[in-house]
Amino acid sequence: PHLSLDGQKYHVVGVLTAVVQMTTDYLWSVAQLPALGADIVQRLRELLSLFNTRSCHLVLGARAMHAAGLKTITAKHLALAAQCAAFLGSLVPHLKASLKRLVPERQGQH
């Protein structure tokens, strides 16, 4: 699959599309439940951090070889991981802007 953002097309793995859907759900939740905004933002941070950590372990740490029964981690695997990371890197400023509008400044403080 692929995703597009700011005119750039990214080749990604299917799980990233699920992460993007969950991110959309979190944004919707913040809009519907503003009193829980800070907590929801924290969960969103945790989701994105978990995706990043697991991606690094699976691809760069070669754990996907065991988890998925792969013989090797190929250049294609590395390229897909890089594309997913680049997509998320491009998405974060958009998320910050949206959340800044949705979550009052005092709630975002911990």
Foldseek 3Di string as FASTA:
>chain_A
DWDDDPRDIFDADPVLVVLVVVLVVLLVCLQVPVVCLQVSVVVNVVSVVVVLVVLCCVQVVVVVCVVVVNPGRDPVSVRNSVRSVVVVVRCVVVSVVSSPVRHDPVSNDD
